């Protein structure tokens, strides 16, 4: 009986080892899938970071452009003067100012 019991025990151990090997293979496949997902995520983050860097450059240029335009408008605004206190002169001065803001001359 001892030999039969040992044989049964060995068969049970082999079955358990086979089950554990299958579980290890399953976990290894799961890890590979997660590595692929992480790689895809890193690629997406890299693309987003590149887009953000591009937007930062565009924003800095836009801010510089707005500042330059503000200086130009301020300069033009300071050159428009009310010629006298009559309504007609004020109206013409406001029209000149609006043309300056619109970027058109008379």
N, C-alpha and C. Protein backbone atom coordinates (compact mmCIF):
# COMPACT_ATOMS: atom_id res chain seq x y z
N UNK A 1 0.79 -1.20 0.00
CA UNK A 1 0.00 0.00 0.00
C UNK A 1 0.83 1.26 0.00
N UNK A 2 1.94 1.25 0.58
CA UNK A 2 2.79 2.41 0.64
C UNK A 2 3.23 2.87 -0.74
N UNK A 3 3.47 1.88 -1.62
CA UNK A 3 3.90 2.22 -2.97
C UNK A 3 2.76 2.84 -3.78
N UNK A 4 1.58 2.32 -3.61
CA UNK A 4 0.41 2.87 -4.32
C UNK A 4 0.10 4.28 -3.80
N UNK A 5 0.18 4.47 -2.52
CA UNK A 5 -0.09 5.79 -1.93
C UNK A 5 0.96 6.79 -2.41
N UNK A 6 2.20 6.37 -2.49
CA UNK A 6 3.24 7.26 -2.96
C UNK A 6 3.01 7.62 -4.42
N UNK A 7 2.57 6.65 -5.24
CA UNK A 7 2.28 6.91 -6.64
C UNK A 7 1.13 7.91 -6.80
N UNK A 8 0.09 7.74 -5.98
CA UNK A 8 -1.05 8.66 -6.02
C UNK A 8 -0.60 10.06 -5.59
N UNK A 9 0.21 10.10 -4.56
CA UNK A 9 0.69 11.38 -4.06
C UNK A 9 1.53 12.08 -5.13
N UNK A 10 2.39 11.33 -5.82
CA UNK A 10 3.21 11.89 -6.90
C UNK A 10 2.32 12.41 -8.03
N UNK A 11 1.27 11.69 -8.38
CA UNK A 11 0.34 12.14 -9.43
C UNK A 11 -0.37 13.42 -9.02
N UNK A 12 -0.76 13.51 -7.75
CA UNK A 12 -1.41 14.72 -7.25
C UNK A 12 -0.44 15.91 -7.28
N UNK A 13 0.82 15.65 -6.89
CA UNK A 13 1.81 16.72 -6.95
C UNK A 13 2.06 17.18 -8.37
N UNK A 14 2.14 16.23 -9.30
CA UNK A 14 2.34 16.59 -10.71
C UNK A 14 1.18 17.43 -11.23
N UNK A 15 -0.04 17.07 -10.85
CA UNK A 15 -1.23 17.82 -11.26
C UNK A 15 -1.18 19.24 -10.68
N UNK A 16 -0.76 19.32 -9.41
CA UNK A 16 -0.68 20.63 -8.77
C UNK A 16 0.41 21.48 -9.43
N UNK A 17 1.57 20.88 -9.74
CA UNK A 17 2.65 21.59 -10.41
C UNK A 17 2.19 22.04 -11.79
N UNK A 18 1.49 21.19 -12.49
CA UNK A 18 0.99 21.55 -13.82
C UNK A 18 0.01 22.73 -13.72
N UNK A 19 -0.84 22.71 -12.73
CA UNK A 19 -1.77 23.82 -12.52
C UNK A 19 -1.04 25.11 -12.18
N UNK A 20 0.01 25.00 -11.34
CA UNK A 20 0.80 26.17 -10.99
C UNK A 20 1.57 26.71 -12.19
N UNK A 21 2.09 25.82 -13.03
CA UNK A 21 2.78 26.26 -14.24
C UNK A 21 1.82 27.00 -15.17
N UNK A 22 0.59 26.49 -15.29
CA UNK A 22 -0.42 27.16 -16.12
C UNK A 22 -0.74 28.54 -15.56
N UNK A 23 -0.83 28.65 -14.23
CA UNK A 23 -1.10 29.95 -13.61
C UNK A 23 0.06 30.92 -13.83
N UNK A 24 1.30 30.42 -13.76
CA UNK A 24 2.47 31.25 -14.02
C UNK A 24 2.44 31.75 -15.46
N UNK A 25 2.13 30.87 -16.40
CA UNK A 25 2.03 31.27 -17.81
C UNK A 25 0.95 32.33 -18.00
N UNK A 26 -0.17 32.15 -17.32
CA UNK A 26 -1.27 33.11 -17.40
C UNK A 26 -0.83 34.47 -16.85
N UNK A 27 -0.14 34.47 -15.71
CA UNK A 27 0.34 35.72 -15.11
C UNK A 27 1.40 36.38 -16.00
N UNK A 28 2.26 35.56 -16.63
CA UNK A 28 3.29 36.11 -17.53
C UNK A 28 2.63 36.79 -18.73
N UNK A 29 1.58 36.17 -19.27
CA UNK A 29 0.86 36.78 -20.39
C UNK A 29 0.19 38.09 -19.96
N UNK A 30 -0.36 38.09 -18.74
CA UNK A 30 -1.00 39.29 -18.21
C UNK A 30 0.03 40.41 -18.04
N UNK A 31 1.22 40.06 -17.55
CA UNK A 31 2.29 41.05 -17.38
C UNK A 31 2.71 41.61 -18.72
N UNK A 32 2.83 40.79 -19.73
CA UNK A 32 3.20 41.27 -21.07
C UNK A 32 2.14 42.22 -21.61
N UNK A 33 0.87 41.89 -21.37
CA UNK A 33 -0.23 42.76 -21.81
C UNK A 33 -0.14 44.11 -21.10
N UNK A 34 0.16 44.08 -19.81
CA UNK A 34 0.29 45.34 -19.06
C UNK A 34 1.48 46.15 -19.55
N UNK A 35 2.59 45.48 -19.90
CA UNK A 35 3.75 46.18 -20.45
C UNK A 35 3.38 46.89 -21.75
N UNK A 36 2.61 46.21 -22.60
CA UNK A 36 2.17 46.84 -23.85
C UNK A 36 1.28 48.04 -23.59
N UNK A 37 0.37 47.91 -22.62
CA UNK A 37 -0.51 49.02 -22.28
C UNK A 37 0.29 50.20 -21.72
N UNK A 38 1.27 49.90 -20.89
CA UNK A 38 2.10 50.97 -20.33
C UNK A 38 2.89 51.65 -21.43
N UNK A 39 3.41 50.87 -22.35
CA UNK A 39 4.16 51.44 -23.47
C UNK A 39 3.28 52.36 -24.31
N UNK A 40 2.05 51.93 -24.57
CA UNK A 40 1.11 52.76 -25.34
C UNK A 40 0.79 54.03 -24.56
N UNK A 41 0.61 53.89 -23.25
CA UNK A 41 0.30 55.05 -22.41
C UNK A 41 1.46 56.04 -22.42
N UNK A 42 2.69 55.54 -22.30
CA UNK A 42 3.87 56.40 -22.32
C UNK A 42 3.96 57.14 -23.65
N UNK A 43 3.67 56.43 -24.76
CA UNK A 43 3.68 57.08 -26.07
C UNK A 43 2.65 58.19 -26.15
N UNK A 44 1.45 57.93 -25.61
CA UNK A 44 0.40 58.95 -25.62
C UNK A 44 0.80 60.15 -24.77
N UNK A 45 1.40 59.90 -23.62
CA UNK A 45 1.84 61.00 -22.76
C UNK A 45 2.95 61.81 -23.44
N UNK A 46 3.86 61.12 -24.11
CA UNK A 46 4.92 61.83 -24.85
C UNK A 46 4.33 62.73 -25.93
N UNK A 47 3.33 62.22 -26.66
CA UNK A 47 2.69 63.05 -27.69
C UNK A 47 1.98 64.25 -27.07
N UNK A 48 1.31 64.02 -25.93
CA UNK A 48 0.63 65.12 -25.26
C UNK A 48 1.63 66.16 -24.75
N UNK A 49 2.74 65.70 -24.21
CA UNK A 49 3.77 66.63 -23.74
C UNK A 49 4.34 67.45 -24.89
N UNK A 50 4.54 66.80 -26.03
CA UNK A 50 5.04 67.53 -27.21
C UNK A 50 4.01 68.58 -27.64
N UNK A 51 2.73 68.22 -27.62
CA UNK A 51 1.67 69.17 -27.99
C UNK A 51 1.63 70.33 -27.00
N UNK A 52 1.79 70.04 -25.71
CA UNK A 52 1.78 71.09 -24.69
C UNK A 52 2.97 72.02 -24.89
N UNK A 53 4.14 71.45 -25.18
CA UNK A 53 5.31 72.29 -25.43
C UNK A 53 5.09 73.19 -26.64
N UNK A 54 4.47 72.64 -27.69
CA UNK A 54 4.15 73.45 -28.87
C UNK A 54 3.19 74.58 -28.53
N UNK A 55 2.19 74.28 -27.71
CA UNK A 55 1.23 75.31 -27.31
C UNK A 55 1.90 76.39 -26.46
N UNK A 56 2.86 75.98 -25.62
CA UNK A 56 3.58 76.97 -24.81
C UNK A 56 4.34 77.93 -25.71
N UNK A 57 5.00 77.40 -26.72
CA UNK A 57 5.73 78.25 -27.66
C UNK A 57 4.76 79.19 -28.37
N UNK A 58 3.64 78.63 -28.86
CA UNK A 58 2.63 79.45 -29.54
C UNK A 58 2.08 80.52 -28.60
N UNK A 59 1.83 80.14 -27.34
CA UNK A 59 1.27 81.08 -26.38
C UNK A 59 2.26 82.22 -26.12
N UNK A 60 3.54 81.87 -25.95
CA UNK A 60 4.54 82.91 -25.71
C UNK A 60 4.62 83.87 -26.90
N UNK A 61 4.57 83.32 -28.10
CA UNK A 61 4.59 84.16 -29.29
C UNK A 61 3.34 85.02 -29.36
N UNK A 62 2.18 84.42 -29.01
CA UNK A 62 0.93 85.17 -29.02
C UNK A 62 0.94 86.31 -28.01
N UNK A 63 1.49 86.03 -26.83
CA UNK A 63 1.59 87.08 -25.82
C UNK A 63 2.50 88.20 -26.30
N UNK A 64 3.61 87.82 -26.92
CA UNK A 64 4.52 88.83 -27.45
C UNK A 64 3.83 89.65 -28.54
N UNK A 65 3.07 88.98 -29.41
CA UNK A 65 2.36 89.69 -30.48
C UNK A 65 1.33 90.64 -29.90
N UNK A 66 0.59 90.19 -28.89
CA UNK A 66 -0.43 91.04 -28.27
C UNK A 66 0.23 92.25 -27.60
N UNK A 67 1.35 92.01 -26.93
CA UNK A 67 2.05 93.12 -26.28
C UNK A 67 2.51 94.14 -27.32
N UNK A 68 3.02 93.65 -28.44
CA UNK A 68 3.47 94.55 -29.51
C UNK A 68 2.29 95.33 -30.09
N UNK A 69 1.17 94.64 -30.31
CA UNK A 69 -0.01 95.33 -30.83
C UNK A 69 -0.53 96.36 -29.83
N UNK A 70 -0.46 96.02 -28.54
CA UNK A 70 -0.92 96.96 -27.51
C UNK A 70 -0.06 98.22 -27.53
N UNK A 71 1.25 98.05 -27.71
CA UNK A 71 2.13 99.22 -27.80
C UNK A 71 1.77 100.07 -29.02
N UNK A 72 1.50 99.39 -30.14
CA UNK A 72 1.15 100.11 -31.36
C UNK A 72 -0.16 100.87 -31.18
N UNK A 73 -1.16 100.22 -30.59
CA UNK A 73 -2.45 100.88 -30.36
C UNK A 73 -2.28 102.03 -29.39
N UNK A 74 -1.49 101.82 -28.35
CA UNK A 74 -1.27 102.89 -27.38
C UNK A 74 -0.59 104.08 -28.05
N UNK A 75 0.39 103.81 -28.90
CA UNK A 75 1.08 104.88 -29.62
C UNK A 75 0.11 105.62 -30.53
N UNK A 76 -0.69 104.86 -31.26
CA UNK A 76 -1.67 105.50 -32.16
C UNK A 76 -2.70 106.27 -31.37
N UNK A 77 -3.13 105.70 -30.23
CA UNK A 77 -4.13 106.37 -29.40
C UNK A 77 -3.59 107.70 -28.90
N UNK A 78 -2.34 107.71 -28.52
CA UNK A 78 -1.74 108.95 -28.00
C UNK A 78 -1.57 110.00 -29.09
N UNK A 79 -1.52 109.58 -30.37
CA UNK A 79 -1.37 110.56 -31.44
C UNK A 79 -2.70 111.19 -31.85
N UNK A 80 -3.81 110.53 -31.50
CA UNK A 80 -5.12 111.10 -31.82
C UNK A 80 -5.45 112.14 -30.76
N UNK A 81 -5.69 113.34 -31.18
CA UNK A 81 -5.95 114.43 -30.23
C UNK A 81 -7.28 115.10 -30.60
N UNK A 82 -7.95 115.51 -29.58
CA UNK A 82 -9.17 116.28 -29.80
C UNK A 82 -8.73 117.69 -30.18
N UNK A 83 -9.22 118.15 -31.34
CA UNK A 83 -8.73 119.41 -31.89
C UNK A 83 -9.31 120.62 -31.17
N UNK A 84 -10.59 120.55 -30.80
CA UNK A 84 -11.19 121.63 -30.01
C UNK A 84 -12.40 121.06 -29.31
N UNK A 85 -13.15 121.89 -28.64
CA UNK A 85 -14.25 121.42 -27.81
C UNK A 85 -15.57 121.30 -28.55
N UNK A 86 -15.61 121.54 -29.84
CA UNK A 86 -16.88 121.45 -30.55
C UNK A 86 -17.25 119.98 -30.74
N UNK A 87 -18.52 119.72 -30.86
CA UNK A 87 -19.04 118.36 -31.03
C UNK A 87 -18.49 117.71 -32.30
N UNK A 88 -18.42 118.47 -33.37
CA UNK A 88 -17.94 117.93 -34.63
C UNK A 88 -16.49 117.47 -34.51
N UNK A 89 -15.67 118.25 -33.87
CA UNK A 89 -14.27 117.90 -33.70
C UNK A 89 -14.13 116.65 -32.83
N UNK A 90 -14.93 116.55 -31.76
CA UNK A 90 -14.89 115.35 -30.92
C UNK A 90 -15.34 114.12 -31.70
N UNK A 91 -16.40 114.28 -32.47
CA UNK A 91 -16.89 113.17 -33.28
C UNK A 91 -15.82 112.70 -34.26
N UNK A 92 -15.16 113.62 -34.93
CA UNK A 92 -14.10 113.24 -35.87
C UNK A 92 -12.93 112.57 -35.14
N UNK A 93 -12.61 113.07 -33.96
CA UNK A 93 -11.52 112.47 -33.18
C UNK A 93 -11.88 111.03 -32.80
N UNK A 94 -13.13 110.81 -32.39
CA UNK A 94 -13.56 109.44 -32.05
C UNK A 94 -13.55 108.54 -33.29
N UNK A 95 -13.96 109.08 -34.41
CA UNK A 95 -13.91 108.30 -35.65
C UNK A 95 -12.47 107.94 -36.00
N UNK A 96 -11.56 108.88 -35.84
CA UNK A 96 -10.13 108.60 -36.08
C UNK A 96 -9.64 107.51 -35.15
N UNK A 97 -10.03 107.61 -33.91
CA UNK A 97 -9.62 106.61 -32.92
C UNK A 97 -10.14 105.23 -33.28
N UNK A 98 -11.40 105.15 -33.70
CA UNK A 98 -11.96 103.86 -34.11
C UNK A 98 -11.26 103.31 -35.33
N UNK A 99 -10.90 104.17 -36.25
CA UNK A 99 -10.14 103.71 -37.43
C UNK A 99 -8.77 103.17 -37.02
N UNK A 100 -8.15 103.83 -36.05
CA UNK A 100 -6.85 103.36 -35.56
C UNK A 100 -7.01 101.96 -34.95
N UNK A 101 -8.03 101.77 -34.13
CA UNK A 101 -8.24 100.45 -33.53
C UNK A 101 -8.58 99.40 -34.58
N UNK A 102 -9.27 99.81 -35.60
CA UNK A 102 -9.63 98.88 -36.67
C UNK A 102 -8.46 98.63 -37.60
N UNK A 103 -7.42 99.43 -37.49
CA UNK A 103 -6.23 99.25 -38.32
C UNK A 103 -6.36 99.88 -39.69
N UNK A 104 -7.30 100.81 -39.84
CA UNK A 104 -7.47 101.47 -41.15
C UNK A 104 -7.19 102.95 -41.00
N UNK A 105 -6.68 103.51 -42.03
CA UNK A 105 -6.48 104.96 -42.07
C UNK A 105 -7.59 105.59 -42.90
N UNK A 106 -7.67 106.92 -42.85
CA UNK A 106 -8.72 107.63 -43.60
C UNK A 106 -8.63 107.37 -45.07
